C-alpha atoms as a PDB file:
ATOM      1  CA  MET A   1      -0.809   5.543 -20.315  1.00  0.00           C
ATOM      2  CA  GLU A   2       1.220   8.297 -18.667  1.00  0.00           C
ATOM      3  CA  ARG A   3       0.776   8.491 -14.930  1.00  0.00           C
ATOM      4  CA  LYS A   4      -0.722  11.541 -13.580  1.00  0.00           C
ATOM      5  CA  LYS A   5      -0.753  13.317 -10.244  1.00  0.00           C
ATOM      6  CA  PHE A   6      -3.209  11.808  -7.863  1.00  0.00           C
ATOM      7  CA  MET A   7      -5.716  14.164  -6.653  1.00  0.00           C
ATOM      8  CA  ILE A   8      -8.853  14.422  -4.229  1.00  0.00           C
ATOM      9  CA  THR A   9     -11.105  13.803  -7.174  1.00  0.00           C
ATOM     10  CA  ASP A  10      -9.420  10.461  -7.816  1.00  0.00           C
ATOM     11  CA  LEU A  11     -10.188   9.498  -4.289  1.00  0.00           C
ATOM     12  CA  ARG A  12     -13.891  10.205  -4.892  1.00  0.00           C
ATOM     13  CA  THR A  13     -13.801   8.315  -8.195  1.00  0.00           C
ATOM     14  CA  LYS A  14     -12.224   5.227  -6.419  1.00  0.00           C
ATOM     15  CA  LYS A  15     -14.810   5.047  -3.740  1.00  0.00           C
ATOM     16  CA  ARG A  16     -17.575   5.444  -6.373  1.00  0.00           C
ATOM     17  CA  ASP A  17     -16.134   2.753  -8.506  1.00  0.00           C
ATOM     18  CA  GLY A  18     -15.283   0.511  -5.482  1.00  0.00           C
ATOM     19  CA  LYS A  19     -11.524   0.569  -6.390  1.00  0.00           C
ATOM     20  CA  LYS A  20      -9.231   0.276  -3.294  1.00  0.00           C
ATOM     21  CA  ILE A  21      -7.161   3.250  -2.182  1.00  0.00           C
ATOM     22  CA  THR A  22      -3.512   2.888  -1.175  1.00  0.00           C
ATOM     23  CA  MET A  23      -1.486   4.991   1.283  1.00  0.00           C
ATOM     24  CA  LEU A  24       1.706   4.677   3.142  1.00  0.00           C
ATOM     25  CA  THR A  25       4.037   6.798   5.371  1.00  0.00           C
ATOM     26  CA  ALA A  26       7.473   8.234   4.314  1.00  0.00           C
ATOM     27  CA  TYR A  27       9.807  10.527   6.226  1.00  0.00           C
ATOM     28  CA  ASP A  28      12.660  11.114   3.900  1.00  0.00           C
ATOM     29  CA  TYR A  29      13.659  11.265   0.221  1.00  0.00           C
ATOM     30  CA  PRO A  30      14.718   7.765  -0.618  1.00  0.00           C
ATOM     31  CA  MET A  31      11.734   6.198   0.925  1.00  0.00           C
ATOM     32  CA  ALA A  32       9.326   8.716  -0.609  1.00  0.00           C
ATOM     33  CA  ARG A  33      10.840   8.063  -4.044  1.00  0.00           C
ATOM     34  CA  LEU A  34      10.323   4.327  -3.639  1.00  0.00           C
ATOM     35  CA  VAL A  35       6.784   4.574  -2.393  1.00  0.00           C
ATOM     36  CA  ASP A  36       5.930   6.940  -5.277  1.00  0.00           C
ATOM     37  CA  GLU A  37       7.620   4.673  -7.950  1.00  0.00           C
ATOM     38  CA  ALA A  38       5.566   1.785  -6.457  1.00  0.00           C
ATOM     39  CA  GLY A  39       2.292   3.668  -7.579  1.00  0.00           C
ATOM     40  CA  ILE A  40       0.887   4.273  -4.093  1.00  0.00           C
ATOM     41  CA  ASP A  41      -2.003   6.637  -4.360  1.00  0.00           C
ATOM     42  CA  MET A  42      -1.207   8.873  -1.144  1.00  0.00           C
ATOM     43  CA  ILE A  43       1.834   9.464   1.064  1.00  0.00           C
ATOM     44  CA  LEU A  44       1.479  10.551   4.662  1.00  0.00           C
ATOM     45  CA  VAL A  45       4.255  12.250   6.330  1.00  0.00           C
ATOM     46  CA  GLY A  46       3.071  10.837   9.717  1.00  0.00           C
ATOM     47  CA  ASP A  47       3.928  12.084  13.105  1.00  0.00           C
ATOM     48  CA  SER A  48       4.867   8.451  13.598  1.00  0.00           C
ATOM     49  CA  VAL A  49       8.338   9.791  12.470  1.00  0.00           C
ATOM     50  CA  GLY A  50       8.731  10.533  16.276  1.00  0.00           C
ATOM     51  CA  MET A  51       8.730   6.892  17.147  1.00  0.00           C
ATOM     52  CA  VAL A  52      10.154   4.969  13.956  1.00  0.00           C
ATOM     53  CA  VAL A  53      12.715   7.585  13.091  1.00  0.00           C
ATOM     54  CA  LEU A  54      13.438  10.069  15.744  1.00  0.00           C
ATOM     55  CA  GLY A  55      13.385   7.486  18.707  1.00  0.00           C
ATOM     56  CA  TYR A  56      10.728   9.314  20.864  1.00  0.00           C
ATOM     57  CA  ASP A  57       8.513   6.902  23.026  1.00  0.00           C
ATOM     58  CA  SER A  58       5.348   8.304  21.493  1.00  0.00           C
ATOM     59  CA  THR A  59       4.211  10.919  18.964  1.00  0.00           C
ATOM     60  CA  VAL A  60       3.606  13.551  21.474  1.00  0.00           C
ATOM     61  CA  PRO A  61       6.980  15.167  21.502  1.00  0.00           C
ATOM     62  CA  VAL A  62       7.104  15.907  17.782  1.00  0.00           C
ATOM     63  CA  THR A  63       7.290  19.440  16.693  1.00  0.00           C
ATOM     64  CA  MET A  64       6.082  21.540  13.644  1.00  0.00           C
ATOM     65  CA  ASP A  65       9.590  22.143  12.606  1.00  0.00           C
ATOM     66  CA  GLU A  66      10.504  18.561  12.881  1.00  0.00           C
ATOM     67  CA  MET A  67       7.328  17.674  10.633  1.00  0.00           C
ATOM     68  CA  ILE A  68       8.255  20.514   8.027  1.00  0.00           C
ATOM     69  CA  HIS A  69      11.768  19.224   7.797  1.00  0.00           C
ATOM     70  CA  HIS A  70      10.641  15.593   6.968  1.00  0.00           C
ATOM     71  CA  ALA A  71       7.742  16.783   4.862  1.00  0.00           C
ATOM     72  CA  LYS A  72      10.058  18.865   2.656  1.00  0.00           C
ATOM     73  CA  ALA A  73      12.443  15.795   2.153  1.00  0.00           C
ATOM     74  CA  VAL A  74       9.512  13.635   1.215  1.00  0.00           C
ATOM     75  CA  ARG A  75       8.179  16.318  -1.267  1.00  0.00           C
ATOM     76  CA  ARG A  76      11.490  16.176  -3.180  1.00  0.00           C
ATOM     77  CA  GLY A  77      11.124  12.390  -3.599  1.00  0.00           C
ATOM     78  CA  THR A  78       7.345  12.518  -4.428  1.00  0.00           C
ATOM     79  CA  LYS A  79       6.104  13.288  -8.114  1.00  0.00           C
ATOM     80  CA  TYR A  80       2.761  11.676  -8.338  1.00  0.00           C
ATOM     81  CA  ALA A  81       1.354  10.724  -4.840  1.00  0.00           C
ATOM     82  CA  PHE A  82      -1.085  12.906  -3.055  1.00  0.00           C
ATOM     83  CA  LEU A  83       1.110  14.266  -0.144  1.00  0.00           C
ATOM     84  CA  ILE A  84      -0.327  14.777   3.225  1.00  0.00           C
ATOM     85  CA  GLY A  85       1.307  16.303   6.297  1.00  0.00           C
ATOM     86  CA  ASP A  86       0.447  15.084   9.716  1.00  0.00           C
ATOM     87  CA  MET A  87      -0.375  17.970  12.019  1.00  0.00           C
ATOM     88  CA  PRO A  88       1.539  17.307  15.431  1.00  0.00           C
ATOM     89  CA  PHE A  89       0.299  17.453  18.978  1.00  0.00           C
ATOM     90  CA  MET A  90      -0.503  20.943  19.965  1.00  0.00           C
ATOM     91  CA  SER A  91      -0.155  22.432  16.680  1.00  0.00           C
ATOM     92  CA  TYR A  92      -4.052  22.822  16.179  1.00  0.00           C
ATOM     93  CA  GLN A  93      -5.432  22.491  19.669  1.00  0.00           C
ATOM     94  CA  VAL A  94      -4.692  26.033  21.056  1.00  0.00           C
ATOM     95  CA  SER A  95      -6.897  28.037  18.539  1.00  0.00           C
ATOM     96  CA  THR A  96      -8.276  27.981  15.217  1.00  0.00           C
ATOM     97  CA  GLU A  97      -5.965  30.677  14.183  1.00  0.00           C
ATOM     98  CA  GLU A  98      -2.983  28.781  15.010  1.00  0.00           C
ATOM     99  CA  ALA A  99      -4.337  25.608  13.525  1.00  0.00           C
ATOM    100  CA  VAL A 100      -4.697  27.451  10.206  1.00  0.00           C
ATOM    101  CA  ARG A 101      -1.400  28.826  10.389  1.00  0.00           C
ATOM    102  CA  ASN A 102       0.348  25.740  11.023  1.00  0.00           C
ATOM    103  CA  ALA A 103      -1.680  23.832   8.374  1.00  0.00           C
ATOM    104  CA  GLY A 104      -0.570  26.504   6.078  1.00  0.00           C
ATOM    105  CA  ARG A 105       3.009  25.824   6.676  1.00  0.00           C
ATOM    106  CA  PHE A 106       2.703  22.140   5.448  1.00  0.00           C
ATOM    107  CA  LEU A 107       1.653  23.718   1.972  1.00  0.00           C
ATOM    108  CA  LYS A 108       3.726  26.920   1.821  1.00  0.00           C
ATOM    109  CA  GLU A 109       6.892  25.443   3.224  1.00  0.00           C
ATOM    110  CA  ALA A 110       6.888  21.690   2.560  1.00  0.00           C
ATOM    111  CA  GLY A 111       4.639  21.596  -0.578  1.00  0.00           C
ATOM    112  CA  CYS A 112       2.109  19.289   0.918  1.00  0.00           C
ATOM    113  CA  ASP A 113      -1.237  18.759  -0.711  1.00  0.00           C
ATOM    114  CA  ALA A 114      -3.196  18.369   2.522  1.00  0.00           C
ATOM    115  CA  VAL A 115      -3.014  18.086   6.319  1.00  0.00           C
ATOM    116  CA  LYS A 116      -4.302  15.385   8.682  1.00  0.00           C
ATOM    117  CA  LEU A 117      -5.870  15.960  12.102  1.00  0.00           C
ATOM    118  CA  GLU A 118      -6.665  13.598  14.864  1.00  0.00           C
ATOM    119  CA  GLY A 119      -9.873  13.568  16.694  1.00  0.00           C
ATOM    120  CA  GLY A 120     -13.704  13.994  16.441  1.00  0.00           C
ATOM    121  CA  ASP A 121     -15.792  16.752  18.228  1.00  0.00           C
ATOM    122  CA  GLU A 122     -12.824  18.481  19.686  1.00  0.00           C
ATOM    123  CA  VAL A 123     -11.340  19.323  16.288  1.00  0.00           C
ATOM    124  CA  ILE A 124     -14.440  20.209  14.271  1.00  0.00           C
ATOM    125  CA  ASP A 125     -13.876  24.001  14.681  1.00  0.00           C
ATOM    126  CA  ALA A 126     -10.377  23.690  13.572  1.00  0.00           C
ATOM    127  CA  THR A 127     -11.306  21.515  10.785  1.00  0.00           C
ATOM    128  CA  ILE A 128     -13.680  24.012   9.267  1.00  0.00           C
ATOM    129  CA  ALA A 129     -11.361  26.832   9.831  1.00  0.00           C
ATOM    130  CA  ILE A 130      -8.541  25.010   7.956  1.00  0.00           C
ATOM    131  CA  VAL A 131     -10.813  23.892   5.092  1.00  0.00           C
ATOM    132  CA  ASN A 132     -12.242  27.487   4.797  1.00  0.00           C
ATOM    133  CA  ALA A 133      -8.603  28.704   4.388  1.00  0.00           C
ATOM    134  CA  GLY A 134      -8.493  26.399   1.115  1.00  0.00           C
ATOM    135  CA  ILE A 135      -6.500  23.645   2.797  1.00  0.00           C
ATOM    136  CA  PRO A 136      -7.720  19.943   2.304  1.00  0.00           C
ATOM    137  CA  VAL A 137      -8.089  17.983   5.578  1.00  0.00           C
ATOM    138  CA  LEU A 138      -7.983  14.223   6.231  1.00  0.00           C
ATOM    139  CA  GLY A 139      -9.643  13.256   9.434  1.00  0.00           C
ATOM    140  CA  HIS A 140      -8.428  10.603  11.916  1.00  0.00           C
ATOM    141  CA  LEU A 141     -10.858   8.662  14.228  1.00  0.00           C
ATOM    142  CA  GLY A 142     -10.612   5.619  16.591  1.00  0.00           C
ATOM    143  CA  LEU A 143      -7.233   5.094  17.994  1.00  0.00           C
ATOM    144  CA  THR A 144      -5.677   8.587  18.022  1.00  0.00           C
ATOM    145  CA  PRO A 145      -2.004   8.222  19.263  1.00  0.00           C
ATOM    146  CA  GLN A 146      -1.622  11.869  20.201  1.00  0.00           C
ATOM    147  CA  THR A 147      -4.098  11.405  22.975  1.00  0.00           C
ATOM    148  CA  ILE A 148      -3.080   7.745  23.841  1.00  0.00           C
ATOM    149  CA  SER A 149      -2.914   8.632  27.583  1.00  0.00           C
ATOM    150  CA  LYS A 150      -6.642   9.666  27.598  1.00  0.00           C
ATOM    151  CA  LEU A 151      -7.558   6.393  25.675  1.00  0.00           C
ATOM    152  CA  GLY A 152      -5.834   4.341  28.315  1.00  0.00           C
ATOM    153  CA  GLY A 153      -3.115   2.905  25.881  1.00  0.00           C
ATOM    154  CA  PHE A 154      -2.943   1.442  22.460  1.00  0.00           C
ATOM    155  CA  LYS A 155      -6.457  -0.290  22.520  1.00  0.00           C
ATOM    156  CA  VAL A 156      -9.168  -1.025  19.998  1.00  0.00           C
ATOM    157  CA  GLN A 157     -11.830   1.555  19.782  1.00  0.00           C
ATOM    158  CA  GLY A 158     -15.581   1.211  19.154  1.00  0.00           C
ATOM    159  CA  LYS A 159     -15.849  -2.218  20.757  1.00  0.00           C
ATOM    160  CA  THR A 160     -19.243  -1.361  22.416  1.00  0.00           C
ATOM    161  CA  ALA A 161     -22.324  -0.257  20.708  1.00  0.00           C
ATOM    162  CA  GLU A 162     -22.072   3.128  22.329  1.00  0.00           C
ATOM    163  CA  GLY A 163     -18.369   3.487  21.358  1.00  0.00           C
ATOM    164  CA  ALA A 164     -19.034   2.567  17.839  1.00  0.00           C
ATOM    165  CA  GLN A 165     -21.904   4.929  17.627  1.00  0.00           C
ATOM    166  CA  LYS A 166     -19.755   7.749  18.915  1.00  0.00           C
ATOM    167  CA  ILE A 167     -17.168   7.097  16.217  1.00  0.00           C
ATOM    168  CA  LEU A 168     -19.938   7.058  13.567  1.00  0.00           C
ATOM    169  CA  GLU A 169     -21.391  10.252  14.649  1.00  0.00           C
ATOM    170  CA  GLU A 170     -17.994  11.987  14.870  1.00  0.00           C
ATOM    171  CA  ALA A 171     -17.241  10.760  11.350  1.00  0.00           C
ATOM    172  CA  MET A 172     -20.407  12.228   9.986  1.00  0.00           C
ATOM    173  CA  LYS A 173     -19.489  15.556  11.775  1.00  0.00           C
ATOM    174  CA  LEU A 174     -16.079  15.632  10.189  1.00  0.00           C
ATOM    175  CA  GLN A 175     -17.689  14.852   6.789  1.00  0.00           C
ATOM    176  CA  ARG A 176     -19.908  17.747   7.135  1.00  0.00           C
ATOM    177  CA  ALA A 177     -16.871  20.014   8.475  1.00  0.00           C
ATOM    178  CA  GLY A 178     -15.350  19.309   4.921  1.00  0.00           C
ATOM    179  CA  CYS A 179     -12.790  16.359   5.510  1.00  0.00           C
ATOM    180  CA  PHE A 180     -12.135  14.777   1.933  1.00  0.00           C
ATOM    181  CA  ALA A 181     -11.578  11.293   3.781  1.00  0.00           C
ATOM    182  CA  ILE A 182     -11.021   9.936   7.325  1.00  0.00           C
ATOM    183  CA  VAL A 183      -8.622   7.356   8.689  1.00  0.00           C
ATOM    184  CA  LEU A 184     -10.058   4.699  10.916  1.00  0.00           C
ATOM    185  CA  GLU A 185      -7.412   3.422  13.225  1.00  0.00           C
ATOM    186  CA  CYS A 186      -7.910   0.271  15.255  1.00  0.00           C
ATOM    187  CA  VAL A 187     -11.629  -0.176  15.173  1.00  0.00           C
ATOM    188  CA  PRO A 188     -13.640  -3.450  14.670  1.00  0.00           C
ATOM    189  CA  ASP A 189     -13.952  -4.421  11.027  1.00  0.00           C
ATOM    190  CA  LEU A 190     -17.710  -4.512  11.195  1.00  0.00           C
ATOM    191  CA  VAL A 191     -17.815  -0.978  12.696  1.00  0.00           C
ATOM    192  CA  ALA A 192     -15.536   0.229   9.970  1.00  0.00           C
ATOM    193  CA  LYS A 193     -17.737  -1.356   7.377  1.00  0.00           C
ATOM    194  CA  MET A 194     -20.715   0.405   8.847  1.00  0.00           C
ATOM    195  CA  ILE A 195     -18.986   3.840   8.953  1.00  0.00           C
ATOM    196  CA  THR A 196     -17.711   3.285   5.287  1.00  0.00           C
ATOM    197  CA  GLU A 197     -21.250   2.584   4.051  1.00  0.00           C
ATOM    198  CA  LYS A 198     -22.647   5.596   5.667  1.00  0.00           C
ATOM    199  CA  LEU A 199     -20.109   8.040   4.560  1.00  0.00           C
ATOM    200  CA  SER A 200     -19.973   9.607   1.210  1.00  0.00           C
ATOM    201  CA  ILE A 201     -16.241  10.327   1.677  1.00  0.00           C
ATOM    202  CA  PRO A 202     -13.703   7.533   1.577  1.00  0.00           C
ATOM    203  CA  THR A 203     -12.408   5.830   4.740  1.00  0.00           C
ATOM    204  CA  ILE A 204      -8.692   4.734   5.099  1.00  0.00           C
ATOM    205  CA  GLY A 205      -8.148   1.813   7.483  1.00  0.00           C
ATOM    206  CA  ILE A 206      -5.214   0.854   9.747  1.00  0.00           C
ATOM    207  CA  GLY A 207      -6.098  -1.989  11.808  1.00  0.00           C
ATOM    208  CA  ALA A 208      -9.745  -1.562  10.834  1.00  0.00           C
ATOM    209  CA  GLY A 209     -10.331  -4.636   8.527  1.00  0.00           C
ATOM    210  CA  PRO A 210     -10.988  -5.051   4.946  1.00  0.00           C
ATOM    211  CA  HIS A 211     -14.169  -3.045   4.331  1.00  0.00           C
ATOM    212  CA  CYS A 212     -12.563   0.384   4.255  1.00  0.00           C
ATOM    213  CA  ASP A 213     -12.209   2.228   0.953  1.00  0.00           C
ATOM    214  CA  GLY A 214      -8.461   2.064   1.355  1.00  0.00           C
ATOM    215  CA  GLN A 215      -5.681   1.074   3.622  1.00  0.00           C
ATOM    216  CA  VAL A 216      -2.617   2.800   5.159  1.00  0.00           C
ATOM    217  CA  LEU A 217       0.351   1.412   7.069  1.00  0.00           C
ATOM    218  CA  VAL A 218       3.558   2.807   8.831  1.00  0.00           C
ATOM    219  CA  THR A 219       6.117   1.867   6.101  1.00  0.00           C
ATOM    220  CA  ASN A 220       8.904   1.284   8.691  1.00  0.00           C
ATOM    221  CA  ASP A 221       6.507  -1.316  10.284  1.00  0.00           C
ATOM    222  CA  MET A 222       5.559  -3.148   6.966  1.00  0.00           C
ATOM    223  CA  VAL A 223       9.159  -3.289   5.805  1.00  0.00           C
ATOM    224  CA  GLY A 224      10.533  -4.496   9.215  1.00  0.00           C
ATOM    225  CA  LEU A 225      12.566  -1.346  10.084  1.00  0.00           C
ATOM    226  CA  TYR A 226      10.887  -0.682  13.342  1.00  0.00           C
ATOM    227  CA  ASP A 227      11.286  -3.568  15.979  1.00  0.00           C
ATOM    228  CA  ARG A 228      10.204  -2.082  19.357  1.00  0.00           C
ATOM    229  CA  PHE A 229       6.836  -3.736  18.683  1.00  0.00           C
ATOM    230  CA  VAL A 230       4.752  -4.766  15.720  1.00  0.00           C
ATOM    231  CA  PRO A 231       0.965  -4.118  15.904  1.00  0.00           C
ATOM    232  CA  LYS A 232      -1.316  -7.002  15.219  1.00  0.00           C
ATOM    233  CA  PHE A 233      -2.811  -5.386  12.172  1.00  0.00           C
ATOM    234  CA  VAL A 234       0.654  -5.044  10.494  1.00  0.00           C
ATOM    235  CA  LYS A 235       1.745  -7.389   7.780  1.00  0.00           C
ATOM    236  CA  GLN A 236       5.580  -7.308   7.360  1.00  0.00           C
ATOM    237  CA  TYR A 237       6.104  -7.766   3.576  1.00  0.00           C
ATOM    238  CA  VAL A 238       9.798  -7.607   4.035  1.00  0.00           C
ATOM    239  CA  LYS A 239      12.318  -7.669   6.877  1.00  0.00           C
ATOM    240  CA  LEU A 240      14.812  -5.038   6.076  1.00  0.00           C
ATOM    241  CA  SER A 241      16.260  -4.687   9.510  1.00  0.00           C
ATOM    242  CA  THR A 242      17.795  -8.309   9.327  1.00  0.00           C
ATOM    243  CA  ALA A 243      19.204  -7.766   6.086  1.00  0.00           C
ATOM    244  CA  ILE A 244      20.836  -4.392   6.940  1.00  0.00           C
ATOM    245  CA  LEU A 245      22.181  -5.829  10.156  1.00  0.00           C
ATOM    246  CA  GLU A 246      23.872  -8.578   8.216  1.00  0.00           C
ATOM    247  CA  GLY A 247      25.385  -6.213   5.860  1.00  0.00           C
ATOM    248  CA  PHE A 248      26.766  -3.997   8.636  1.00  0.00           C
ATOM    249  CA  LYS A 249      28.260  -7.031  10.487  1.00  0.00           C
ATOM    250  CA  LYS A 250      29.849  -8.180   7.165  1.00  0.00           C
ATOM    251  CA  TYR A 251      31.361  -4.735   6.454  1.00  0.00           C
ATOM    252  CA  LYS A 252      32.935  -4.660   9.938  1.00  0.00           C
ATOM    253  CA  ASP A 253      34.436  -8.101   9.591  1.00  0.00           C
ATOM    254  CA  GLU A 254      35.939  -7.343   6.001  1.00  0.00           C
ATOM    255  CA  VAL A 255      37.331  -3.960   7.094  1.00  0.00           C
ATOM    256  CA  GLU A 256      38.895  -5.593  10.167  1.00  0.00           C
ATOM    257  CA  LYS A 257      40.443  -8.468   8.131  1.00  0.00           C
ATOM    258  CA  GLY A 258      41.589  -6.105   5.294  1.00  0.00           C
ATOM    259  CA  VAL A 259      39.378  -7.633   2.813  1.00  0.00           C
ATOM    260  CA  TYR A 260      37.644  -4.333   2.015  1.00  0.00           C
ATOM    261  CA  PRO A 261      38.516  -2.279   0.112  1.00  0.00           C
ATOM    262  CA  ASP A 262      40.051  -4.549  -2.453  1.00  0.00           C
ATOM    263  CA  LYS A 263      41.398  -3.587  -5.928  1.00  0.00           C
ATOM    264  CA  GLU A 264      37.747  -3.600  -7.421  1.00  0.00           C
ATOM    265  CA  HIS A 265      36.721  -0.831  -5.075  1.00  0.00           C
ATOM    266  CA  SER A 266      39.933   1.411  -5.217  1.00  0.00           C
ATOM    267  CA  PHE A 267      41.046   3.945  -7.817  1.00  0.00           C
ATOM    268  CA  ALA A 268      44.072   3.017  -9.938  1.00  0.00           C
ATOM    269  CA  ILE A 269      46.981   5.262 -11.110  1.00  0.00           C
ATOM    270  CA  LYS A 270      49.106   4.426 -14.081  1.00  0.00           C
ATOM    271  CA  GLU A 271      52.844   3.017 -13.139  1.00  0.00           C
ATOM    272  CA  GLU A 272      54.342   5.641 -15.373  1.00  0.00           C
ATOM    273  CA  GLU A 273      52.472   8.377 -13.357  1.00  0.00           C
ATOM    274  CA  ILE A 274      53.871   6.794 -10.147  1.00  0.00           C
ATOM    275  CA  ASP A 275      57.430   7.074 -11.563  1.00  0.00           C
ATOM    276  CA  LYS A 276      56.996  10.597 -12.452  1.00  0.00           C
ATOM    277  CA  LEU A 277      55.750  11.374  -8.986  1.00  0.00           C
ATOM    278  CA  LYS A 278      58.888   9.564  -7.455  1.00  0.00           C
ATOM    279  CA  LYS A 279      61.207  11.434  -9.558  1.00  0.00           C
ATOM    280  CA  THR A 280      59.507  14.748  -8.702  1.00  0.00           C
ATOM    281  CA  LYS A 281      60.066  13.756  -5.021  1.00  0.00           C
ATOM    282  CA  LYS A 282      63.756  12.955  -5.481  1.00  0.00           C
ATOM    283  CA  ARG A 283      64.541  16.346  -7.127  1.00  0.00           C
ATOM    284  CA  LYS A 284      62.681  18.181  -4.319  1.00  0.00           C
ATOM    285  CA  ASN A 285      64.901  16.303  -1.786  1.00  0.00           C
END
């Protein structure tokens, strides 16, 4: 069967049928092409690009122009996956008008299918305005990295009954505001299970246990390309940084020893052409 473009309707069908949803991040063309070829349902161009690609200490410094730049590259490598642009810090907090305008850039300039906003009560108005503009919105609750200083660091959220109830209430509000799905980050698995059962829209977990309707990971974490720290919830399926470093070191060694490039990796010219060249040079002299 020919593979078709993944759509929001497919998300709803998967939740209804109890089939798990898959999502990964991507920040450039080659990684997006591989994620898409693997059959992943959704690709998130996350503001995590600030930390795992651009070298920032947090996601806060990431700008709209940086996000658009990376989202455009990812779009060029994506054919089937549903593509979501992550709205960076202060791109939707100033006013609903600015939120709609910036969300629109992801669709008009980068070719994204939807956008993601972090937060609960504080982003309801922006969410409603963006949805009313015809732009699908993915919500994000629990640990919200853009407001990490307010949360007191990278800590699990919803560990108390009050905290869990707040996340549930905000999830219900985001659903009513028109979100097509909600990311739950770093919340206890039973809390995520409760929220997933209450919502009619899918939940996508990241550090939220096995009961969510789907899962997302930062690709650079799960393939071992980011080594500042590895969150507890991340499973590293490969360790690319080790293999890449070994390749770099071998290249350096072979170049310094004159082993590379060898005849196999060089271009040849026929001897008679060399003779012609030598004769030409003699006549000129």
